[in-house]
N, C-alpha and C. Protein backbone atom coordinates (compact mmCIF):
# COMPACT_ATOMS: atom_id res chain seq x y z
N MET A 1 53.94 -34.81 170.21
CA MET A 1 55.21 -35.20 169.63
C MET A 1 55.35 -34.51 168.29
N VAL A 2 56.55 -34.08 167.98
CA VAL A 2 56.84 -33.43 166.71
C VAL A 2 57.88 -34.25 165.97
N ALA A 3 57.62 -34.54 164.72
CA ALA A 3 58.59 -35.27 163.90
C ALA A 3 58.83 -34.46 162.64
N CYS A 4 60.07 -34.37 162.25
CA CYS A 4 60.43 -33.64 161.04
C CYS A 4 61.37 -34.51 160.23
N THR A 5 61.11 -34.65 158.96
CA THR A 5 61.99 -35.46 158.12
C THR A 5 62.17 -34.81 156.77
N ASN A 6 63.26 -35.11 156.14
CA ASN A 6 63.57 -34.55 154.84
C ASN A 6 63.85 -35.72 153.91
N LEU A 7 63.08 -35.84 152.83
CA LEU A 7 63.29 -36.91 151.86
C LEU A 7 63.81 -36.31 150.58
N CYS A 8 64.85 -36.91 150.02
CA CYS A 8 65.47 -36.38 148.81
C CYS A 8 65.42 -37.41 147.69
N ALA A 9 65.07 -36.97 146.50
CA ALA A 9 65.08 -37.85 145.34
C ALA A 9 66.49 -38.03 144.81
N ASN A 10 67.36 -37.09 145.09
CA ASN A 10 68.75 -37.13 144.63
C ASN A 10 69.58 -37.94 145.62
N PRO A 11 70.13 -39.09 145.20
CA PRO A 11 70.90 -39.92 146.13
C PRO A 11 72.08 -39.19 146.77
N GLN A 12 72.68 -38.25 146.05
CA GLN A 12 73.79 -37.49 146.59
C GLN A 12 73.36 -36.69 147.82
N LYS A 13 72.14 -36.14 147.76
CA LYS A 13 71.63 -35.34 148.86
C LYS A 13 71.01 -36.19 149.96
N GLU A 14 70.71 -37.46 149.65
CA GLU A 14 70.03 -38.31 150.62
C GLU A 14 70.84 -38.48 151.90
N LYS A 15 72.15 -38.47 151.80
CA LYS A 15 72.97 -38.62 153.00
C LYS A 15 72.78 -37.45 153.95
N ASP A 16 72.31 -36.30 153.41
CA ASP A 16 72.06 -35.13 154.25
C ASP A 16 70.67 -35.15 154.88
N ALA A 17 69.80 -36.04 154.40
CA ALA A 17 68.44 -36.11 154.94
C ALA A 17 68.50 -36.57 156.38
N ALA A 18 67.67 -35.96 157.21
CA ALA A 18 67.70 -36.30 158.64
C ALA A 18 66.29 -36.34 159.18
N ALA A 19 66.09 -37.15 160.20
CA ALA A 19 64.82 -37.19 160.92
C ALA A 19 65.12 -36.89 162.37
N ASP A 20 64.29 -36.08 162.97
CA ASP A 20 64.49 -35.70 164.36
C ASP A 20 63.15 -35.81 165.06
N GLU A 21 63.08 -36.64 166.06
CA GLU A 21 61.84 -36.84 166.79
C GLU A 21 62.07 -36.43 168.23
N LYS A 22 61.21 -35.54 168.73
CA LYS A 22 61.39 -35.02 170.08
C LYS A 22 60.08 -35.10 170.84
N GLY A 23 60.18 -35.07 172.14
CA GLY A 23 59.00 -35.07 172.99
C GLY A 23 58.38 -33.69 173.05
N PRO A 24 57.61 -33.43 174.09
CA PRO A 24 56.94 -32.13 174.23
C PRO A 24 57.95 -30.98 174.15
N GLN A 25 57.56 -29.92 173.46
CA GLN A 25 58.44 -28.78 173.27
C GLN A 25 58.24 -27.77 174.39
N PRO A 26 59.33 -27.08 174.77
CA PRO A 26 59.18 -26.05 175.81
C PRO A 26 58.34 -24.89 175.31
N GLN A 27 57.72 -24.21 176.24
CA GLN A 27 56.90 -23.06 175.88
C GLN A 27 57.75 -22.05 175.12
N GLY A 28 57.22 -21.53 174.02
CA GLY A 28 57.96 -20.56 173.22
C GLY A 28 58.80 -21.18 172.12
N ALA A 29 58.80 -22.50 172.02
CA ALA A 29 59.58 -23.17 170.97
C ALA A 29 58.91 -22.94 169.62
N VAL A 30 59.71 -22.97 168.56
CA VAL A 30 59.19 -22.80 167.21
C VAL A 30 59.72 -23.92 166.32
N LEU A 31 58.91 -24.27 165.34
CA LEU A 31 59.31 -25.20 164.29
C LEU A 31 59.24 -24.42 162.99
N VAL A 32 60.37 -24.31 162.30
CA VAL A 32 60.42 -23.58 161.04
C VAL A 32 60.69 -24.58 159.93
N MET A 33 59.78 -24.61 158.96
CA MET A 33 59.97 -25.45 157.78
C MET A 33 60.10 -24.53 156.57
N GLY A 34 61.02 -24.84 155.70
CA GLY A 34 61.22 -24.01 154.53
C GLY A 34 61.83 -24.79 153.40
N CYS A 35 61.77 -24.20 152.22
CA CYS A 35 62.38 -24.84 151.05
C CYS A 35 63.83 -24.37 150.91
N ASP A 36 64.48 -24.82 149.86
CA ASP A 36 65.88 -24.47 149.63
C ASP A 36 66.14 -22.98 149.66
N GLY A 37 65.19 -22.20 149.19
CA GLY A 37 65.36 -20.76 149.16
C GLY A 37 65.58 -20.15 150.53
N VAL A 38 65.08 -20.80 151.56
CA VAL A 38 65.31 -20.34 152.93
C VAL A 38 66.66 -20.85 153.42
N TRP A 39 66.88 -22.16 153.30
CA TRP A 39 68.07 -22.78 153.91
C TRP A 39 69.36 -22.50 153.15
N ASP A 40 69.25 -22.01 151.91
CA ASP A 40 70.46 -21.62 151.18
C ASP A 40 71.12 -20.38 151.79
N VAL A 41 70.32 -19.54 152.46
CA VAL A 41 70.87 -18.28 152.97
C VAL A 41 70.72 -18.10 154.48
N LEU A 42 69.93 -18.94 155.16
CA LEU A 42 69.74 -18.82 156.60
C LEU A 42 70.13 -20.12 157.30
N SER A 43 70.74 -20.00 158.45
CA SER A 43 71.02 -21.19 159.27
C SER A 43 69.75 -21.52 160.06
N ASP A 44 69.71 -22.71 160.65
CA ASP A 44 68.58 -23.09 161.49
C ASP A 44 68.39 -22.07 162.62
N GLU A 45 69.49 -21.69 163.24
CA GLU A 45 69.44 -20.76 164.37
C GLU A 45 68.92 -19.39 163.95
N GLU A 46 69.36 -18.90 162.78
CA GLU A 46 68.88 -17.60 162.29
C GLU A 46 67.38 -17.63 162.03
N ALA A 47 66.91 -18.67 161.36
CA ALA A 47 65.49 -18.78 161.05
C ALA A 47 64.66 -18.86 162.33
N ALA A 48 65.11 -19.66 163.30
CA ALA A 48 64.38 -19.78 164.56
C ALA A 48 64.37 -18.46 165.32
N SER A 49 65.48 -17.76 165.32
CA SER A 49 65.56 -16.47 166.00
C SER A 49 64.60 -15.46 165.38
N ILE A 50 64.54 -15.42 164.06
CA ILE A 50 63.61 -14.53 163.36
C ILE A 50 62.18 -14.89 163.71
N ALA A 51 61.86 -16.18 163.70
CA ALA A 51 60.49 -16.64 163.97
C ALA A 51 60.06 -16.35 165.41
N ARG A 52 60.99 -16.45 166.36
CA ARG A 52 60.64 -16.21 167.76
C ARG A 52 60.29 -14.75 168.04
N ARG A 53 60.75 -13.83 167.22
CA ARG A 53 60.50 -12.40 167.44
C ARG A 53 59.04 -12.00 167.23
N GLU A 54 58.29 -12.83 166.52
CA GLU A 54 56.88 -12.52 166.23
C GLU A 54 55.96 -13.38 167.09
N GLN A 55 54.88 -12.78 167.58
CA GLN A 55 53.89 -13.54 168.35
C GLN A 55 53.06 -14.43 167.44
N ASP A 56 52.71 -13.92 166.26
CA ASP A 56 51.83 -14.61 165.32
C ASP A 56 52.65 -15.50 164.38
N ALA A 57 52.24 -16.76 164.22
CA ALA A 57 52.97 -17.71 163.37
C ALA A 57 52.98 -17.28 161.91
N VAL A 58 51.88 -16.69 161.44
CA VAL A 58 51.83 -16.24 160.04
C VAL A 58 52.85 -15.13 159.81
N MET A 59 52.89 -14.15 160.71
CA MET A 59 53.86 -13.07 160.57
C MET A 59 55.29 -13.59 160.73
N ALA A 60 55.48 -14.59 161.57
CA ALA A 60 56.81 -15.17 161.72
C ALA A 60 57.27 -15.80 160.40
N ALA A 61 56.37 -16.51 159.73
CA ALA A 61 56.70 -17.12 158.44
C ALA A 61 57.00 -16.05 157.39
N VAL A 62 56.22 -14.97 157.41
CA VAL A 62 56.46 -13.86 156.47
C VAL A 62 57.84 -13.26 156.72
N ARG A 63 58.21 -13.08 157.98
CA ARG A 63 59.51 -12.50 158.30
C ARG A 63 60.66 -13.41 157.85
N VAL A 64 60.52 -14.72 158.05
CA VAL A 64 61.55 -15.66 157.60
C VAL A 64 61.67 -15.59 156.08
N ARG A 65 60.53 -15.61 155.38
CA ARG A 65 60.53 -15.51 153.92
C ARG A 65 61.19 -14.21 153.46
N ASP A 66 60.78 -13.10 154.06
CA ASP A 66 61.32 -11.80 153.66
C ASP A 66 62.82 -11.71 153.93
N HIS A 67 63.25 -12.26 155.07
CA HIS A 67 64.67 -12.22 155.40
C HIS A 67 65.49 -13.00 154.37
N ALA A 68 64.98 -14.17 153.96
CA ALA A 68 65.67 -14.95 152.92
C ALA A 68 65.74 -14.16 151.62
N TYR A 69 64.67 -13.45 151.28
CA TYR A 69 64.64 -12.63 150.07
C TYR A 69 65.70 -11.52 150.15
N TYR A 70 65.77 -10.83 151.29
CA TYR A 70 66.73 -9.74 151.44
C TYR A 70 68.17 -10.23 151.52
N GLU A 71 68.34 -11.50 151.85
CA GLU A 71 69.69 -12.11 151.83
C GLU A 71 70.05 -12.57 150.42
N LYS A 72 69.19 -12.23 149.45
CA LYS A 72 69.40 -12.51 148.03
C LYS A 72 69.37 -13.99 147.67
N SER A 73 68.42 -14.72 148.27
CA SER A 73 68.22 -16.11 147.90
C SER A 73 67.90 -16.19 146.41
N ALA A 74 68.55 -17.12 145.71
CA ALA A 74 68.37 -17.26 144.27
C ALA A 74 67.36 -18.36 143.92
N ASP A 75 66.65 -18.87 144.91
CA ASP A 75 65.72 -19.98 144.71
C ASP A 75 64.32 -19.54 145.13
N ASP A 76 63.31 -20.39 144.85
CA ASP A 76 61.96 -20.13 145.36
C ASP A 76 62.04 -20.09 146.88
N ILE A 77 61.19 -19.28 147.49
CA ILE A 77 61.22 -19.13 148.95
C ILE A 77 59.84 -19.43 149.53
N SER A 78 59.77 -20.45 150.38
CA SER A 78 58.54 -20.78 151.11
C SER A 78 58.92 -21.07 152.55
N ALA A 79 58.09 -20.60 153.48
CA ALA A 79 58.36 -20.86 154.90
C ALA A 79 57.05 -21.13 155.62
N LEU A 80 57.11 -22.02 156.60
CA LEU A 80 55.98 -22.33 157.46
C LEU A 80 56.50 -22.35 158.88
N VAL A 81 55.79 -21.71 159.80
CA VAL A 81 56.22 -21.66 161.19
C VAL A 81 55.12 -22.20 162.08
N VAL A 82 55.49 -23.06 163.02
CA VAL A 82 54.58 -23.57 164.05
C VAL A 82 55.14 -23.07 165.38
N LYS A 83 54.29 -22.39 166.13
CA LYS A 83 54.70 -21.89 167.44
C LYS A 83 54.04 -22.73 168.53
N PHE A 84 54.82 -23.10 169.53
CA PHE A 84 54.32 -23.91 170.64
C PHE A 84 54.09 -23.00 171.84
N PHE A 85 52.85 -23.00 172.36
CA PHE A 85 52.51 -22.13 173.49
C PHE A 85 52.30 -22.94 174.74
């Protein structure tokens, strides 16, 4: 089981916090976690698409990070990718 949640200290942003709990993931699924620097310039679909192109999870995270950088993210950029085989 995979659970992802976002907790915000800012009450204004708290309404945007979401939790999503899902059962077993299909083969080839990816979980992309990132900080504001990623999500300010990439959609969920874009980040997942970038991550799926790489076999290795480390390289997938590097590609997501680099893509956010080239999209001129003005924030710190961190990305973590989990690949389901």
